[in-house]
Amino acid sequence: MTAASPSAAEVKALFRAFLREARKFPDYNIREYVKRRSRQGFHQNQNIVPELATAAFAEGRELLEVAKRQAVVYSLYAPKVKNIMELKHVEKQ
């Protein structure tokens, strides 16, 4: 007996959760890395077969929990000074 494949709405919600979690990282480089890896991971698994979709979805949820823990750790030890990339990003807006 296999579990049902995740729906498109569940997959989209997981993707948005990754992007929301990425915003919580105080460091520009880590924040952009998490966004980029999220997009790449979901793009790679876009045409995954239904038999593997459940396992990939479960792995994605586990990785989201890792990202949440890492965001907390990075926020505890974040440098007080912004790096040059963040300063340039603020000027453009």
PDB file of N, CA and C in Angstrom:
ATOM      1  N   MET A   1       0.843  -1.184   0.000  1.00  0.00           N
ATOM      2  CA  MET A   1       0.000   0.000   0.000  1.00  0.00           C
ATOM      3  C   MET A   1       0.885   1.242   0.000  1.00  0.00           C
ATOM      4  N   THR A   2       0.723   2.101  -0.987  1.00  0.00           N
ATOM      5  CA  THR A   2       1.527   3.305  -1.091  1.00  0.00           C
ATOM      6  C   THR A   2       0.692   4.524  -0.737  1.00  0.00           C
ATOM      7  N   ALA A   3       1.373   5.539  -0.267  1.00  0.00           N
ATOM      8  CA  ALA A   3       0.688   6.785   0.061  1.00  0.00           C
ATOM      9  C   ALA A   3       0.354   7.522  -1.234  1.00  0.00           C
ATOM     10  N   ALA A   4      -0.661   8.346  -1.174  1.00  0.00           N
ATOM     11  CA  ALA A   4      -1.069   9.106  -2.350  1.00  0.00           C
ATOM     12  C   ALA A   4      -0.018  10.159  -2.680  1.00  0.00           C
ATOM     13  N   SER A   5       0.134  10.427  -3.953  1.00  0.00           N
ATOM     14  CA  SER A   5       1.069  11.462  -4.386  1.00  0.00           C
ATOM     15  C   SER A   5       0.573  12.816  -3.901  1.00  0.00           C
ATOM     16  N   PRO A   6       1.489  13.719  -3.587  1.00  0.00           N
ATOM     17  CA  PRO A   6       1.062  15.050  -3.138  1.00  0.00           C
ATOM     18  C   PRO A   6       0.373  15.802  -4.275  1.00  0.00           C
ATOM     19  N   SER A   7      -0.605  16.591  -3.906  1.00  0.00           N
ATOM     20  CA  SER A   7      -1.325  17.369  -4.915  1.00  0.00           C
ATOM     21  C   SER A   7      -0.466  18.545  -5.366  1.00  0.00           C
ATOM     22  N   ALA A   8      -0.870  19.150  -6.461  1.00  0.00           N
ATOM     23  CA  ALA A   8      -0.145  20.311  -6.979  1.00  0.00           C
ATOM     24  C   ALA A   8      -0.173  21.453  -5.963  1.00  0.00           C
ATOM     25  N   ALA A   9      -1.282  21.603  -5.264  1.00  0.00           N
ATOM     26  CA  ALA A   9      -1.393  22.661  -4.254  1.00  0.00           C
ATOM     27  C   ALA A   9      -0.423  22.421  -3.098  1.00  0.00           C
ATOM     28  N   GLU A  10      -0.260  21.155  -2.700  1.00  0.00           N
ATOM     29  CA  GLU A  10       0.680  20.841  -1.620  1.00  0.00           C
ATOM     30  C   GLU A  10       2.117  21.116  -2.042  1.00  0.00           C
ATOM     31  N   VAL A  11       2.437  20.784  -3.276  1.00  0.00           N
ATOM     32  CA  VAL A  11       3.788  21.029  -3.790  1.00  0.00           C
ATOM     33  C   VAL A  11       4.051  22.526  -3.874  1.00  0.00           C
ATOM     34  N   LYS A  12       3.069  23.273  -4.360  1.00  0.00           N
ATOM     35  CA  LYS A  12       3.217  24.727  -4.461  1.00  0.00           C
ATOM     36  C   LYS A  12       3.364  25.355  -3.077  1.00  0.00           C
ATOM     37  N   ALA A  13       2.617  24.849  -2.111  1.00  0.00           N
ATOM     38  CA  ALA A  13       2.714  25.361  -0.740  1.00  0.00           C
ATOM     39  C   ALA A  13       4.097  25.075  -0.153  1.00  0.00           C
ATOM     40  N   LEU A  14       4.648  23.905  -0.448  1.00  0.00           N
ATOM     41  CA  LEU A  14       5.991  23.576   0.027  1.00  0.00           C
ATOM     42  C   LEU A  14       7.020  24.507  -0.601  1.00  0.00           C
ATOM     43  N   PHE A  15       6.886  24.773  -1.886  1.00  0.00           N
ATOM     44  CA  PHE A  15       7.804  25.683  -2.577  1.00  0.00           C
ATOM     45  C   PHE A  15       7.736  27.084  -1.979  1.00  0.00           C
ATOM     46  N   ARG A  16       6.521  27.569  -1.751  1.00  0.00           N
ATOM     47  CA  ARG A  16       6.372  28.903  -1.143  1.00  0.00           C
ATOM     48  C   ARG A  16       6.941  28.934   0.268  1.00  0.00           C
ATOM     49  N   ALA A  17       6.798  27.832   1.002  1.00  0.00           N
ATOM     50  CA  ALA A  17       7.359  27.763   2.355  1.00  0.00           C
ATOM     51  C   ALA A  17       8.880  27.872   2.309  1.00  0.00           C
ATOM     52  N   PHE A  18       9.499  27.238   1.310  1.00  0.00           N
ATOM     53  CA  PHE A  18      10.948  27.366   1.151  1.00  0.00           C
ATOM     54  C   PHE A  18      11.336  28.817   0.883  1.00  0.00           C
ATOM     55  N   LEU A  19      10.614  29.485   0.006  1.00  0.00           N
ATOM     56  CA  LEU A  19      10.943  30.874  -0.310  1.00  0.00           C
ATOM     57  C   LEU A  19      10.709  31.789   0.891  1.00  0.00           C
ATOM     58  N   ARG A  20       9.655  31.534   1.654  1.00  0.00           N
ATOM     59  CA  ARG A  20       9.411  32.322   2.869  1.00  0.00           C
ATOM     60  C   ARG A  20      10.531  32.108   3.876  1.00  0.00           C
ATOM     61  N   GLU A  21      10.956  30.863   4.003  1.00  0.00           N
ATOM     62  CA  GLU A  21      12.020  30.550   4.957  1.00  0.00           C
ATOM     63  C   GLU A  21      13.327  31.192   4.522  1.00  0.00           C
ATOM     64  N   ALA A  22      13.562  31.257   3.228  1.00  0.00           N
ATOM     65  CA  ALA A  22      14.790  31.874   2.715  1.00  0.00           C
ATOM     66  C   ALA A  22      14.865  33.343   3.120  1.00  0.00           C
ATOM     67  N   ARG A  23      13.730  34.012   3.166  1.00  0.00           N
ATOM     68  CA  ARG A  23      13.715  35.432   3.546  1.00  0.00           C
ATOM     69  C   ARG A  23      14.163  35.666   4.981  1.00  0.00           C
ATOM     70  N   LYS A  24      14.120  34.637   5.802  1.00  0.00           N
ATOM     71  CA  LYS A  24      14.468  34.780   7.217  1.00  0.00           C
ATOM     72  C   LYS A  24      15.971  34.764   7.468  1.00  0.00           C
ATOM     73  N   PHE A  25      16.755  34.348   6.484  1.00  0.00           N
ATOM     74  CA  PHE A  25      18.203  34.321   6.675  1.00  0.00           C
ATOM     75  C   PHE A  25      18.741  35.745   6.638  1.00  0.00           C
ATOM     76  N   PRO A  26      19.508  36.136   7.648  1.00  0.00           N
ATOM     77  CA  PRO A  26      20.012  37.505   7.689  1.00  0.00           C
ATOM     78  C   PRO A  26      21.133  37.768   6.681  1.00  0.00           C
ATOM     79  N   ASP A  27      21.862  36.747   6.285  1.00  0.00           N
ATOM     80  CA  ASP A  27      22.986  36.918   5.375  1.00  0.00           C
ATOM     81  C   ASP A  27      22.520  36.815   3.923  1.00  0.00           C
ATOM     82  N   TYR A  28      22.911  37.784   3.120  1.00  0.00           N
ATOM     83  CA  TYR A  28      22.501  37.842   1.718  1.00  0.00           C
ATOM     84  C   TYR A  28      22.884  36.579   0.955  1.00  0.00           C
ATOM     85  N   ASN A  29      24.128  36.144   1.114  1.00  0.00           N
ATOM     86  CA  ASN A  29      24.620  34.990   0.358  1.00  0.00           C
ATOM     87  C   ASN A  29      23.843  33.720   0.688  1.00  0.00           C
ATOM     88  N   ILE A  30      23.594  33.481   1.957  1.00  0.00           N
ATOM     89  CA  ILE A  30      22.845  32.291   2.365  1.00  0.00           C
ATOM     90  C   ILE A  30      21.401  32.393   1.891  1.00  0.00           C
ATOM     91  N   ARG A  31      20.824  33.578   2.021  1.00  0.00           N
ATOM     92  CA  ARG A  31      19.435  33.799   1.606  1.00  0.00           C
ATOM     93  C   ARG A  31      19.265  33.498   0.110  1.00  0.00           C
ATOM     94  N   GLU A  32      20.164  34.028  -0.698  1.00  0.00           N
ATOM     95  CA  GLU A  32      20.081  33.798  -2.139  1.00  0.00           C
ATOM     96  C   GLU A  32      20.379  32.348  -2.494  1.00  0.00           C
ATOM     97  N   TYR A  33      21.269  31.708  -1.758  1.00  0.00           N
ATOM     98  CA  TYR A  33      21.575  30.297  -1.998  1.00  0.00           C
ATOM     99  C   TYR A  33      20.341  29.428  -1.743  1.00  0.00           C
ATOM    100  N   VAL A  34      19.651  29.687  -0.646  1.00  0.00           N
ATOM    101  CA  VAL A  34      18.460  28.891  -0.320  1.00  0.00           C
ATOM    102  C   VAL A  34      17.383  29.101  -1.386  1.00  0.00           C
ATOM    103  N   LYS A  35      17.205  30.319  -1.837  1.00  0.00           N
ATOM    104  CA  LYS A  35      16.229  30.580  -2.902  1.00  0.00           C
ATOM    105  C   LYS A  35      16.600  29.837  -4.180  1.00  0.00           C
ATOM    106  N   ARG A  36      17.879  29.955  -4.555  1.00  0.00           N
ATOM    107  CA  ARG A  36      18.345  29.326  -5.789  1.00  0.00           C
ATOM    108  C   ARG A  36      18.222  27.806  -5.730  1.00  0.00           C
ATOM    109  N   ARG A  37      18.633  27.205  -4.613  1.00  0.00           N
ATOM    110  CA  ARG A  37      18.547  25.744  -4.475  1.00  0.00           C
ATOM    111  C   ARG A  37      17.097  25.276  -4.445  1.00  0.00           C
ATOM    112  N   SER A  38      16.217  26.078  -3.862  1.00  0.00           N
ATOM    113  CA  SER A  38      14.794  25.724  -3.843  1.00  0.00           C
ATOM    114  C   SER A  38      14.250  25.681  -5.264  1.00  0.00           C
ATOM    115  N   ARG A  39      14.537  26.727  -6.022  1.00  0.00           N
ATOM    116  CA  ARG A  39      14.060  26.766  -7.408  1.00  0.00           C
ATOM    117  C   ARG A  39      14.636  25.606  -8.219  1.00  0.00           C
ATOM    118  N   GLN A  40      15.930  25.355  -8.071  1.00  0.00           N
ATOM    119  CA  GLN A  40      16.568  24.270  -8.818  1.00  0.00           C
ATOM    120  C   GLN A  40      15.975  22.916  -8.446  1.00  0.00           C
ATOM    121  N   GLY A  41      15.806  22.682  -7.158  1.00  0.00           N
ATOM    122  CA  GLY A  41      15.273  21.403  -6.708  1.00  0.00           C
ATOM    123  C   GLY A  41      13.873  21.142  -7.220  1.00  0.00           C
ATOM    124  N   PHE A  42      13.025  22.154  -7.165  1.00  0.00           N
ATOM    125  CA  PHE A  42      11.660  21.974  -7.647  1.00  0.00           C
ATOM    126  C   PHE A  42      11.631  21.856  -9.167  1.00  0.00           C
ATOM    127  N   HIS A  43      12.514  22.579  -9.840  1.00  0.00           N
ATOM    128  CA  HIS A  43      12.570  22.486 -11.298  1.00  0.00           C
ATOM    129  C   HIS A  43      13.045  21.101 -11.736  1.00  0.00           C
ATOM    130  N   GLN A  44      14.025  20.543 -11.034  1.00  0.00           N
ATOM    131  CA  GLN A  44      14.534  19.212 -11.367  1.00  0.00           C
ATOM    132  C   GLN A  44      13.465  18.140 -11.173  1.00  0.00           C
ATOM    133  N   ASN A  45      12.632  18.311 -10.180  1.00  0.00           N
ATOM    134  CA  ASN A  45      11.606  17.309  -9.877  1.00  0.00           C
ATOM    135  C   ASN A  45      10.251  17.636 -10.497  1.00  0.00           C
ATOM    136  N   GLN A  46      10.241  18.563 -11.419  1.00  0.00           N
ATOM    137  CA  GLN A  46       8.985  18.998 -12.029  1.00  0.00           C
ATOM    138  C   GLN A  46       8.266  17.856 -12.740  1.00  0.00           C
ATOM    139  N   ASN A  47       8.991  17.010 -13.431  1.00  0.00           N
ATOM    140  CA  ASN A  47       8.381  15.923 -14.204  1.00  0.00           C
ATOM    141  C   ASN A  47       8.665  14.561 -13.588  1.00  0.00           C
ATOM    142  N   ILE A  48       8.677  14.503 -12.276  1.00  0.00           N
ATOM    143  CA  ILE A  48       8.982  13.257 -11.569  1.00  0.00           C
ATOM    144  C   ILE A  48       7.811  12.281 -11.710  1.00  0.00           C
ATOM    145  N   VAL A  49       8.127  11.006 -11.753  1.00  0.00           N
ATOM    146  CA  VAL A  49       7.073   9.989 -11.876  1.00  0.00           C
ATOM    147  C   VAL A  49       6.298   9.909 -10.559  1.00  0.00           C
ATOM    148  N   PRO A  50       5.009   9.614 -10.618  1.00  0.00           N
ATOM    149  CA  PRO A  50       4.179   9.598  -9.404  1.00  0.00           C
ATOM    150  C   PRO A  50       4.682   8.652  -8.311  1.00  0.00           C
ATOM    151  N   GLU A  51       5.334   7.566  -8.708  1.00  0.00           N
ATOM    152  CA  GLU A  51       5.831   6.620  -7.707  1.00  0.00           C
ATOM    153  C   GLU A  51       6.910   7.249  -6.821  1.00  0.00           C
ATOM    154  N   LEU A  52       7.673   8.165  -7.392  1.00  0.00           N
ATOM    155  CA  LEU A  52       8.753   8.808  -6.641  1.00  0.00           C
ATOM    156  C   LEU A  52       8.336  10.149  -6.031  1.00  0.00           C
ATOM    157  N   ALA A  53       7.175  10.650  -6.415  1.00  0.00           N
ATOM    158  CA  ALA A  53       6.735  11.969  -5.954  1.00  0.00           C
ATOM    159  C   ALA A  53       6.538  12.014  -4.445  1.00  0.00           C
ATOM    160  N   THR A  54       5.998  10.961  -3.873  1.00  0.00           N
ATOM    161  CA  THR A  54       5.754  10.935  -2.431  1.00  0.00           C
ATOM    162  C   THR A  54       7.063  10.995  -1.660  1.00  0.00           C
ATOM    163  N   ALA A  55       8.052  10.234  -2.102  1.00  0.00           N
ATOM    164  CA  ALA A  55       9.358  10.242  -1.432  1.00  0.00           C
ATOM    165  C   ALA A  55      10.038  11.593  -1.590  1.00  0.00           C
ATOM    166  N   ALA A  56       9.948  12.185  -2.780  1.00  0.00           N
ATOM    167  CA  ALA A  56      10.558  13.495  -3.012  1.00  0.00           C
ATOM    168  C   ALA A  56       9.879  14.566  -2.160  1.00  0.00           C
ATOM    169  N   PHE A  57       8.562  14.469  -2.022  1.00  0.00           N
ATOM    170  CA  PHE A  57       7.821  15.435  -1.212  1.00  0.00           C
ATOM    171  C   PHE A  57       8.216  15.314   0.261  1.00  0.00           C
ATOM    172  N   ALA A  58       8.352  14.080   0.736  1.00  0.00           N
ATOM    173  CA  ALA A  58       8.770  13.862   2.127  1.00  0.00           C
ATOM    174  C   ALA A  58      10.179  14.398   2.354  1.00  0.00           C
ATOM    175  N   GLU A  59      11.054  14.186   1.387  1.00  0.00           N
ATOM    176  CA  GLU A  59      12.415  14.716   1.502  1.00  0.00           C
ATOM    177  C   GLU A  59      12.396  16.243   1.513  1.00  0.00           C
ATOM    178  N   GLY A  60      11.526  16.834   0.702  1.00  0.00           N
ATOM    179  CA  GLY A  60      11.392  18.288   0.681  1.00  0.00           C
ATOM    180  C   GLY A  60      10.929  18.837   2.018  1.00  0.00           C
ATOM    181  N   ARG A  61       9.997  18.146   2.658  1.00  0.00           N
ATOM    182  CA  ARG A  61       9.525  18.594   3.978  1.00  0.00           C
ATOM    183  C   ARG A  61      10.637  18.500   5.016  1.00  0.00           C
ATOM    184  N   GLU A  62      11.447  17.442   4.930  1.00  0.00           N
ATOM    185  CA  GLU A  62      12.579  17.307   5.852  1.00  0.00           C
ATOM    186  C   GLU A  62      13.589  18.429   5.626  1.00  0.00           C
ATOM    187  N   LEU A  63      13.852  18.749   4.365  1.00  0.00           N
ATOM    188  CA  LEU A  63      14.793  19.828   4.062  1.00  0.00           C
ATOM    189  C   LEU A  63      14.252  21.185   4.506  1.00  0.00           C
ATOM    190  N   LEU A  64      12.937  21.345   4.458  1.00  0.00           N
ATOM    191  CA  LEU A  64      12.337  22.590   4.952  1.00  0.00           C
ATOM    192  C   LEU A  64      12.574  22.730   6.449  1.00  0.00           C
ATOM    193  N   GLU A  65      12.442  21.642   7.186  1.00  0.00           N
ATOM    194  CA  GLU A  65      12.709  21.680   8.630  1.00  0.00           C
ATOM    195  C   GLU A  65      14.171  22.028   8.898  1.00  0.00           C
ATOM    196  N   VAL A  66      15.074  21.496   8.090  1.00  0.00           N
ATOM    197  CA  VAL A  66      16.497  21.829   8.227  1.00  0.00           C
ATOM    198  C   VAL A  66      16.699  23.322   7.978  1.00  0.00           C
ATOM    199  N   ALA A  67      16.068  23.847   6.934  1.00  0.00           N
ATOM    200  CA  ALA A  67      16.193  25.270   6.618  1.00  0.00           C
ATOM    201  C   ALA A  67      15.651  26.135   7.755  1.00  0.00           C
ATOM    202  N   LYS A  68      14.564  25.708   8.374  1.00  0.00           N
ATOM    203  CA  LYS A  68      14.009  26.463   9.505  1.00  0.00           C
ATOM    204  C   LYS A  68      14.990  26.508  10.668  1.00  0.00           C
ATOM    205  N   ARG A  69      15.585  25.356  10.980  1.00  0.00           N
ATOM    206  CA  ARG A  69      16.563  25.326  12.074  1.00  0.00           C
ATOM    207  C   ARG A  69      17.776  26.185  11.741  1.00  0.00           C
ATOM    208  N   GLN A  70      18.242  26.108  10.515  1.00  0.00           N
ATOM    209  CA  GLN A  70      19.414  26.882  10.121  1.00  0.00           C
ATOM    210  C   GLN A  70      19.123  28.385  10.139  1.00  0.00           C
ATOM    211  N   ALA A  71      17.919  28.783   9.783  1.00  0.00           N
ATOM    212  CA  ALA A  71      17.560  30.202   9.825  1.00  0.00           C
ATOM    213  C   ALA A  71      17.646  30.728  11.249  1.00  0.00           C
ATOM    214  N   VAL A  72      17.218  29.920  12.208  1.00  0.00           N
ATOM    215  CA  VAL A  72      17.302  30.330  13.614  1.00  0.00           C
ATOM    216  C   VAL A  72      18.758  30.452  14.038  1.00  0.00           C
ATOM    217  N   VAL A  73      19.565  29.466  13.688  1.00  0.00           N
ATOM    218  CA  VAL A  73      20.979  29.491  14.067  1.00  0.00           C
ATOM    219  C   VAL A  73      21.679  30.690  13.436  1.00  0.00           C
ATOM    220  N   TYR A  74      21.441  30.918  12.147  1.00  0.00           N
ATOM    221  CA  TYR A  74      22.075  32.051  11.477  1.00  0.00           C
ATOM    222  C   TYR A  74      21.614  33.375  12.075  1.00  0.00           C
ATOM    223  N   SER A  75      20.364  33.469  12.504  1.00  0.00           N
ATOM    224  CA  SER A  75      19.891  34.726  13.088  1.00  0.00           C
ATOM    225  C   SER A  75      20.523  34.978  14.453  1.00  0.00           C
ATOM    226  N   LEU A  76      20.862  33.912  15.172  1.00  0.00           N
ATOM    227  CA  LEU A  76      21.504  34.082  16.475  1.00  0.00           C
ATOM    228  C   LEU A  76      22.924  34.618  16.350  1.00  0.00           C
ATOM    229  N   TYR A  77      23.609  34.212  15.293  1.00  0.00           N
ATOM    230  CA  TYR A  77      25.013  34.575  15.130  1.00  0.00           C
ATOM    231  C   TYR A  77      25.250  35.482  13.934  1.00  0.00           C
ATOM    232  N   ALA A  78      24.257  36.210  13.531  1.00  0.00           N
ATOM    233  CA  ALA A  78      24.382  37.091  12.371  1.00  0.00           C
ATOM    234  C   ALA A  78      25.287  38.274  12.696  1.00  0.00           C
ATOM    235  N   PRO A  79      26.126  38.668  11.746  1.00  0.00           N
ATOM    236  CA  PRO A  79      26.965  39.845  11.977  1.00  0.00           C
ATOM    237  C   PRO A  79      26.094  41.102  12.037  1.00  0.00           C
ATOM    238  N   LYS A  80      26.544  42.060  12.793  1.00  0.00           N
ATOM    239  CA  LYS A  80      25.775  43.297  12.956  1.00  0.00           C
ATOM    240  C   LYS A  80      25.908  44.221  11.747  1.00  0.00           C
ATOM    241  N   VAL A  81      26.957  44.025  10.959  1.00  0.00           N
ATOM    242  CA  VAL A  81      27.212  44.877   9.801  1.00  0.00           C
ATOM    243  C   VAL A  81      26.741  44.157   8.543  1.00  0.00           C
ATOM    244  N   LYS A  82      26.037  44.877   7.693  1.00  0.00           N
ATOM    245  CA  LYS A  82      25.588  44.278   6.435  1.00  0.00           C
ATOM    246  C   LYS A  82      26.761  44.195   5.469  1.00  0.00           C
ATOM    247  N   ASN A  83      26.715  43.190   4.589  1.00  0.00           N
ATOM    248  CA  ASN A  83      27.781  43.087   3.599  1.00  0.00           C
ATOM    249  C   ASN A  83      27.468  43.970   2.397  1.00  0.00           C
ATOM    250  N   ILE A  84      28.421  44.097   1.496  1.00  0.00           N
ATOM    251  CA  ILE A  84      28.299  45.025   0.377  1.00  0.00           C
ATOM    252  C   ILE A  84      27.133  44.667  -0.552  1.00  0.00           C
ATOM    253  N   MET A  85      26.842  43.379  -0.697  1.00  0.00           N
ATOM    254  CA  MET A  85      25.743  42.967  -1.575  1.00  0.00           C
ATOM    255  C   MET A  85      24.398  43.444  -1.031  1.00  0.00           C
ATOM    256  N   GLU A  86      24.237  43.411   0.267  1.00  0.00           N
ATOM    257  CA  GLU A  86      22.979  43.876   0.855  1.00  0.00           C
ATOM    258  C   GLU A  86      22.851  45.385   0.726  1.00  0.00           C
ATOM    259  N   LEU A  87      23.945  46.098   0.851  1.00  0.00           N
ATOM    260  CA  LEU A  87      23.895  47.550   0.709  1.00  0.00           C
ATOM    261  C   LEU A  87      23.528  47.941  -0.720  1.00  0.00           C
ATOM    262  N   LYS A  88      24.087  47.256  -1.708  1.00  0.00           N
ATOM    263  CA  LYS A  88      23.751  47.545  -3.104  1.00  0.00           C
ATOM    264  C   LYS A  88      22.304  47.182  -3.396  1.00  0.00           C
ATOM    265  N   HIS A  89      21.831  46.102  -2.804  1.00  0.00           N
ATOM    266  CA  HIS A  89      20.454  45.657  -3.022  1.00  0.00           C
ATOM    267  C   HIS A  89      19.468  46.685  -2.463  1.00  0.00           C
ATOM    268  N   VAL A  90      19.777  47.274  -1.331  1.00  0.00           N
ATOM    269  CA  VAL A  90      18.904  48.272  -0.708  1.00  0.00           C
ATOM    270  C   VAL A  90      18.882  49.544  -1.548  1.00  0.00           C
ATOM    271  N   GLU A  91      20.036  49.932  -2.110  1.00  0.00           N
ATOM    272  CA  GLU A  91      20.110  51.146  -2.920  1.00  0.00           C
ATOM    273  C   GLU A  91      19.258  51.042  -4.182  1.00  0.00           C
ATOM    274  N   LYS A  92      19.171  49.844  -4.775  1.00  0.00           N
ATOM    275  CA  LYS A  92      18.405  49.658  -6.009  1.00  0.00           C
ATOM    276  C   LYS A  92      16.914  49.814  -5.775  1.00  0.00           C
ATOM    277  N   GLN A  93      16.452  49.506  -4.595  1.00  0.00           N
ATOM    278  CA  GLN A  93      15.004  49.553  -4.327  1.00  0.00           C
ATOM    279  C   GLN A  93      14.574  50.925  -4.035  1.00  0.00           C
TER     280      GLN A  93
END
